Amino acid sequence: MKGFPGRAGAQSSQHVAYLRQLQREMRVEETLHIPLTELNVIVFDIETTGFYPDQGDQIISIGAVKVKGDEVKEGETFYSLIKSEKKLSDDIKQLTGLKDEQLQEAPSLSEVLFQFFQFAKDYTLVAHHANHEKAFLQHASWKLYRAPFKHRLVDMSFLYKIAEPDVKLITLEECCEHNGILPFGRHHALYDAKLTAMLWSIYVNKLTQMGCTTLKDLYEQLTIK
């Protein structure tokens, strides 16, 4: 039994080394010029116990799916629950359908994030209302690895604003219904990621038809709005 802490520590060091190397090799500026119709992205979603990671709220699940251009790679997905010793509130249980027992048996946040970043590589990340995801990943990356979160993260709301500036779309349900997508499995991280991926594929085509063909074009349009 005495050997386990050492192995766990070595594994943790390997995780830190891998993630720091990944970040050093990341070329986020190059993604600005890749056509949206060819861009590889990871569309993802997290479920959490609240909104404030610096006040103790935790990530309890991560779901993600790969997309190239407007093609959702249905067979290339990631999903994991995350260990939590804290009891879930009744509201979170009702919202997500998760139970305390499931999270107590789940892998640690450090292990899941390591697996997630292995899946995501240096791809551009995409999320619906991405500030939530960004806050938790920034907090976790620094707390666990003492490394900044360097992935490019695109908020789907950017695409809505450029493609349809006069249409007010806020919730994921509203965005899906507006685009003829039947919302399914809401507040399950993988299903929400898949819904967002379907929206990404639709809006990549809408933006391309408008002449907004790269992330650089997208960001430039946002500065004009």
Protein backbone atom coordinates (compact mmCIF):
# COMPACT_ATOMS: atom_id res chain seq x y z
CA MET A 1 0.00 0.00 0.00
CA LYS A 2 2.90 2.35 0.63
CA GLY A 3 3.67 2.46 -3.07
CA PHE A 4 0.39 3.98 -4.17
CA PRO A 5 1.02 7.62 -3.20
CA GLY A 6 4.28 7.57 -5.12
CA ARG A 7 2.64 6.23 -8.26
CA ALA A 8 -0.19 8.73 -7.93
CA GLY A 9 2.33 11.52 -7.56
CA ALA A 10 4.29 10.35 -10.59
CA GLN A 11 1.11 10.12 -12.64
CA SER A 12 0.14 13.65 -11.59
CA SER A 13 3.58 14.92 -12.61
CA GLN A 14 3.19 13.25 -16.01
CA HIS A 15 -0.18 14.94 -16.45
CA VAL A 16 1.29 18.35 -15.64
CA ALA A 17 4.23 17.79 -17.99
CA TYR A 18 1.94 16.68 -20.83
CA LEU A 19 -0.41 19.64 -20.48
CA ARG A 20 2.38 22.20 -20.23
CA GLN A 21 4.00 20.75 -23.35
CA LEU A 22 0.65 20.84 -25.16
CA GLN A 23 0.25 24.50 -24.27
CA ARG A 24 3.78 25.35 -25.40
CA GLU A 25 3.13 23.76 -28.78
CA MET A 26 -0.27 25.38 -29.26
CA ARG A 27 -0.51 27.66 -32.27
CA VAL A 28 -3.78 29.42 -31.61
CA GLU A 29 -3.05 32.28 -34.01
CA GLU A 30 -2.92 29.91 -36.97
CA THR A 31 -6.53 28.87 -36.39
CA LEU A 32 -7.65 32.42 -37.16
CA HIS A 33 -6.95 31.90 -40.86
CA ILE A 34 -8.28 28.37 -41.40
CA PRO A 35 -11.60 28.40 -43.32
CA LEU A 36 -14.50 27.63 -41.01
CA THR A 37 -15.52 24.90 -43.46
CA GLU A 38 -12.21 23.12 -42.72
CA LEU A 39 -11.63 24.06 -39.07
CA ASN A 40 -11.39 21.26 -36.53
CA VAL A 41 -13.18 22.14 -33.29
CA ILE A 42 -14.17 20.44 -30.07
CA VAL A 43 -17.69 21.44 -29.05
CA PHE A 44 -18.14 20.80 -25.36
CA ASP A 45 -20.29 21.41 -22.32
CA ILE A 46 -19.81 21.12 -18.58
CA GLU A 47 -22.30 20.59 -15.78
CA THR A 48 -21.40 22.23 -12.47
CA THR A 49 -22.71 22.61 -8.95
CA GLY A 50 -23.03 26.38 -9.36
CA PHE A 51 -21.58 29.39 -11.14
CA TYR A 52 -18.54 30.37 -9.06
CA PRO A 53 -15.47 28.09 -9.09
CA ASP A 54 -13.54 30.45 -6.82
CA GLN A 55 -16.26 29.97 -4.20
CA GLY A 56 -16.13 26.18 -4.24
CA ASP A 57 -18.50 25.27 -7.06
CA GLN A 58 -17.28 22.21 -8.96
CA ILE A 59 -17.41 20.64 -12.41
CA ILE A 60 -19.38 17.40 -12.16
CA SER A 61 -19.39 16.28 -15.79
CA ILE A 62 -17.84 17.08 -19.17
CA GLY A 63 -19.16 16.12 -22.59
CA ALA A 64 -17.62 16.88 -25.98
CA VAL A 65 -17.83 16.01 -29.67
CA LYS A 66 -15.46 16.65 -32.57
CA VAL A 67 -16.57 18.69 -35.56
CA LYS A 68 -14.76 19.45 -38.81
CA GLY A 69 -16.27 22.32 -40.71
CA ASP A 70 -19.99 21.55 -40.73
CA GLU A 71 -19.59 17.80 -40.13
CA VAL A 72 -20.39 16.58 -36.62
CA LYS A 73 -18.24 13.52 -35.89
CA GLU A 74 -20.90 11.51 -34.05
CA GLY A 75 -18.48 8.68 -33.36
CA GLU A 76 -15.80 10.90 -31.82
CA THR A 77 -17.11 11.94 -28.44
CA PHE A 78 -15.93 12.34 -24.86
CA TYR A 79 -17.96 12.06 -21.69
CA SER A 80 -17.18 11.59 -18.03
CA LEU A 81 -18.65 12.24 -14.64
CA ILE A 82 -16.29 13.80 -12.08
CA LYS A 83 -15.77 12.77 -8.49
CA SER A 84 -17.36 14.96 -5.82
CA GLU A 85 -17.50 14.32 -2.11
CA LYS A 86 -19.96 17.16 -1.58
CA LYS A 87 -23.66 16.45 -1.68
CA LEU A 88 -25.51 17.82 -4.67
CA SER A 89 -28.27 20.29 -4.04
CA ASP A 90 -31.80 19.19 -4.85
CA ASP A 91 -31.90 21.74 -7.68
CA ILE A 92 -28.79 20.31 -9.35
CA LYS A 93 -30.06 16.76 -8.94
CA GLN A 94 -33.34 17.68 -10.58
CA LEU A 95 -31.65 19.69 -13.34
CA THR A 96 -28.99 17.13 -14.31
CA GLY A 97 -30.52 13.86 -13.17
CA LEU A 98 -27.23 13.01 -11.44
CA LYS A 99 -27.00 11.32 -8.04
CA ASP A 100 -24.43 11.67 -5.26
CA GLU A 101 -23.51 8.00 -5.55
CA GLN A 102 -22.54 8.40 -9.21
CA LEU A 103 -20.14 11.23 -8.46
CA GLN A 104 -18.58 9.52 -5.46
CA GLU A 105 -17.55 6.65 -7.73
CA ALA A 106 -16.37 8.85 -10.62
CA PRO A 107 -12.71 9.66 -11.49
CA SER A 108 -11.07 12.80 -10.11
CA LEU A 109 -11.18 16.19 -11.82
CA SER A 110 -7.44 15.98 -12.50
CA GLU A 111 -7.80 12.64 -14.28
CA VAL A 112 -10.85 13.70 -16.29
CA LEU A 113 -9.34 17.00 -17.41
CA PHE A 114 -6.18 15.21 -18.48
CA GLN A 115 -8.28 12.81 -20.57
CA PHE A 116 -10.34 15.69 -21.95
CA PHE A 117 -7.26 17.62 -23.07
CA GLN A 118 -5.87 14.45 -24.66
CA PHE A 119 -9.13 14.24 -26.61
CA ALA A 120 -9.19 17.95 -27.44
CA LYS A 121 -5.47 18.25 -28.31
CA ASP A 122 -4.83 21.77 -29.57
CA TYR A 123 -8.17 22.10 -31.35
CA THR A 124 -10.28 25.23 -31.01
CA LEU A 125 -12.93 24.78 -28.32
CA VAL A 126 -16.55 25.86 -28.78
CA ALA A 127 -19.30 26.21 -26.17
CA HIS A 128 -22.72 27.77 -25.77
CA HIS A 129 -22.30 30.85 -23.51
CA ALA A 130 -18.63 29.94 -23.11
CA ASN A 131 -17.83 32.31 -20.23
CA HIS A 132 -19.13 29.66 -17.83
CA GLU A 133 -16.87 26.96 -19.24
CA LYS A 134 -13.92 29.35 -19.47
CA ALA A 135 -14.15 30.38 -15.80
CA PHE A 136 -14.16 26.78 -14.58
CA LEU A 137 -11.38 25.59 -16.91
CA GLN A 138 -9.18 28.55 -16.04
CA HIS A 139 -9.69 27.91 -12.34
CA ALA A 140 -9.08 24.16 -12.63
CA SER A 141 -6.05 24.47 -14.90
CA TRP A 142 -4.29 26.78 -12.48
CA LYS A 143 -5.35 24.95 -9.33
CA LEU A 144 -4.39 21.49 -10.58
CA TYR A 145 -1.48 22.16 -12.93
CA ARG A 146 -0.29 25.68 -12.11
CA ALA A 147 -0.69 26.39 -15.80
CA PRO A 148 -2.88 28.92 -17.61
CA PHE A 149 -5.74 27.81 -19.81
CA LYS A 150 -4.55 28.61 -23.33
CA HIS A 151 -6.99 26.94 -25.71
CA ARG A 152 -8.89 29.24 -28.02
CA LEU A 153 -12.50 29.16 -26.86
CA VAL A 154 -15.25 30.41 -29.16
CA ASP A 155 -18.65 31.37 -27.79
CA MET A 156 -21.55 30.29 -30.00
CA SER A 157 -23.28 33.59 -29.25
CA PHE A 158 -20.64 35.26 -31.45
CA LEU A 159 -21.96 33.33 -34.43
CA TYR A 160 -25.59 34.14 -33.64
CA LYS A 161 -24.83 37.86 -33.37
CA ILE A 162 -23.08 38.01 -36.72
CA ALA A 163 -25.39 35.73 -38.70
CA GLU A 164 -28.69 37.00 -37.27
CA PRO A 165 -28.14 40.28 -35.42
CA ASP A 166 -31.86 41.05 -35.21
CA VAL A 167 -32.84 37.73 -33.65
CA LYS A 168 -32.55 37.51 -29.87
CA LEU A 169 -31.40 34.01 -28.98
CA ILE A 170 -30.30 33.26 -25.42
CA THR A 171 -31.01 29.74 -24.18
CA LEU A 172 -29.86 26.60 -25.95
CA GLU A 173 -33.50 25.61 -26.37
CA GLU A 174 -34.29 28.90 -28.13
CA CYS A 175 -31.33 28.51 -30.48
CA CYS A 176 -32.26 24.94 -31.32
CA GLU A 177 -35.93 25.65 -31.91
CA HIS A 178 -35.07 28.66 -34.07
CA ASN A 179 -33.01 26.37 -36.28
CA GLY A 180 -35.45 23.47 -36.39
CA ILE A 181 -33.51 21.26 -33.97
CA LEU A 182 -35.48 19.30 -31.41
CA PRO A 183 -33.75 19.77 -28.03
CA PHE A 184 -32.97 16.42 -26.41
CA GLY A 185 -31.25 15.32 -23.21
CA ARG A 186 -30.95 18.84 -21.83
CA HIS A 187 -28.46 19.41 -18.99
CA HIS A 188 -26.59 16.25 -19.81
CA ALA A 189 -23.11 17.45 -20.79
CA LEU A 190 -22.69 15.21 -23.84
CA TYR A 191 -26.19 15.83 -25.22
CA ASP A 192 -25.83 19.58 -24.74
CA ALA A 193 -22.48 19.39 -26.53
CA LYS A 194 -24.11 17.53 -29.43
CA LEU A 195 -26.90 20.12 -29.68
CA THR A 196 -24.33 22.92 -29.71
CA ALA A 197 -22.32 21.05 -32.35
CA MET A 198 -25.39 20.86 -34.57
CA LEU A 199 -25.82 24.60 -34.19
CA TRP A 200 -22.15 25.20 -34.97
CA SER A 201 -22.48 23.23 -38.22
CA ILE A 202 -25.51 25.30 -39.25
CA TYR A 203 -23.93 28.66 -38.46
CA VAL A 204 -20.62 27.81 -40.13
CA ASN A 205 -22.59 27.60 -43.37
CA LYS A 206 -24.61 30.75 -42.63
CA LEU A 207 -21.45 32.76 -41.96
CA THR A 208 -19.64 31.36 -44.99
CA GLN A 209 -22.52 32.38 -47.23
CA MET A 210 -22.21 35.90 -45.81
CA GLY A 211 -18.53 36.03 -46.68
CA CYS A 212 -17.41 35.54 -43.07
CA THR A 213 -15.18 32.56 -43.77
CA THR A 214 -12.63 32.42 -40.92
CA LEU A 215 -12.40 33.10 -37.19
CA LYS A 216 -10.45 36.25 -38.09
CA ASP A 217 -13.44 37.46 -40.12
CA LEU A 218 -15.74 36.58 -37.23
CA TYR A 219 -13.76 38.59 -34.68
CA GLU A 220 -13.48 41.53 -37.05
CA GLN A 221 -17.25 41.55 -37.55
CA LEU A 222 -17.75 41.53 -33.78
CA THR A 223 -15.66 44.69 -33.41
CA ILE A 224 -17.94 46.43 -35.92
CA LYS A 225 -21.19 45.43 -34.18
